[in-house]
Amino acid sequence: MLIQFTAAMINNYVKHKVILSPVKKKYQIMQLADIIVISLLKPSYPLDKIRQGIDQVTATGLSQASLRQFYYGINESTSSSR
């Protein structure tokens, strides 16, 4: 699955407070992870529900472990599809 991002999409996410604003026009790793998760889930869920889910994961302190697991899962799926 190829995920495409546009500047307009990301600007809308920031404008509607779905993701945090970049610091000095640079996004941090967790903001990029949020953008990827939002892009994957957006066809199935409304943005406010996606944001709530992201907030639940980060509030429990599982964000780094979840990000790592997500990263490995994406790597496995892309390497097996080649």
Protein backbone atom coordinates (compact mmCIF):
# COMPACT_ATOMS: atom_id res chain seq x y z
CA MET A 1 0.00 0.00 0.00
CA LEU A 2 1.43 3.35 -1.03
CA ILE A 3 0.57 6.25 1.24
CA GLN A 4 0.63 9.68 -0.34
CA PHE A 5 0.78 12.92 1.58
CA THR A 6 0.25 16.43 0.33
CA ALA A 7 1.23 19.67 2.01
CA ALA A 8 -2.45 20.66 2.05
CA MET A 9 -3.40 17.46 3.92
CA ILE A 10 -0.76 17.99 6.57
CA ASN A 11 -1.61 21.70 6.90
CA ASN A 12 -5.26 20.74 7.46
CA TYR A 13 -4.27 18.25 10.16
CA VAL A 14 -2.31 21.01 11.92
CA LYS A 15 -5.07 23.59 11.41
CA HIS A 16 -7.70 21.27 12.91
CA LYS A 17 -5.31 20.28 15.74
CA VAL A 18 -5.20 16.64 14.68
CA ILE A 19 -1.39 16.83 14.85
CA LEU A 20 0.87 19.29 16.64
CA SER A 21 2.40 22.20 14.76
CA PRO A 22 5.98 21.70 13.60
CA VAL A 23 8.78 23.41 15.50
CA LYS A 24 10.67 25.76 13.18
CA LYS A 25 9.00 24.02 10.20
CA LYS A 26 10.38 20.62 11.26
CA TYR A 27 8.30 17.66 12.35
CA GLN A 28 9.39 15.30 15.12
CA ILE A 29 9.26 11.50 14.79
CA MET A 30 6.00 11.20 16.75
CA GLN A 31 4.31 13.78 14.52
CA LEU A 32 5.40 11.81 11.46
CA ALA A 33 4.09 8.63 13.08
CA ASP A 34 0.77 10.41 13.73
CA ILE A 35 0.57 11.46 10.06
CA ILE A 36 1.18 7.88 8.91
CA VAL A 37 -1.38 6.44 11.34
CA ILE A 38 -3.94 9.07 10.34
CA SER A 39 -3.39 8.33 6.65
CA LEU A 40 -3.84 4.60 7.19
CA LEU A 41 -6.97 4.92 9.33
CA LYS A 42 -8.63 7.91 7.65
CA PRO A 43 -10.60 5.83 5.11
CA SER A 44 -12.29 3.93 7.96
CA TYR A 45 -12.54 6.36 10.89
CA PRO A 46 -13.28 10.06 11.45
CA LEU A 47 -10.29 12.23 12.36
CA ASP A 48 -11.52 12.96 15.89
CA LYS A 49 -11.71 9.22 16.69
CA ILE A 50 -8.23 8.65 15.25
CA ARG A 51 -6.87 11.50 17.39
CA GLN A 52 -8.57 10.01 20.48
CA GLY A 53 -6.93 6.66 19.78
CA ILE A 54 -3.51 8.24 19.33
CA ASP A 55 -4.00 10.18 22.57
CA GLN A 56 -4.90 6.99 24.45
CA VAL A 57 -1.75 5.24 23.24
CA THR A 58 0.53 8.16 24.08
CA ALA A 59 -1.14 8.78 27.47
CA THR A 60 -0.37 5.25 28.61
CA GLY A 61 3.34 5.65 27.89
CA LEU A 62 3.25 2.98 25.22
CA SER A 63 4.01 5.37 22.38
CA GLN A 64 7.67 4.38 21.90
CA ALA A 65 6.90 0.67 22.08
CA SER A 66 3.88 1.11 19.82
CA LEU A 67 5.90 3.13 17.33
CA ARG A 68 8.61 0.48 17.30
CA GLN A 69 6.07 -2.32 16.79
CA PHE A 70 4.35 -0.33 14.03
CA TYR A 71 7.71 0.31 12.35
CA TYR A 72 8.64 -3.39 12.40
CA GLY A 73 5.21 -4.35 11.10
CA ILE A 74 5.48 -1.91 8.20
CA ASN A 75 8.99 -3.14 7.40
CA GLU A 76 7.84 -6.76 7.40
CA SER A 77 4.86 -6.07 5.16
CA THR A 78 6.87 -4.02 2.67
CA SER A 79 9.72 -6.52 2.52
CA SER A 80 7.35 -9.45 1.95
CA SER A 81 5.53 -7.61 -0.85
CA ARG A 82 8.68 -7.05 -2.89
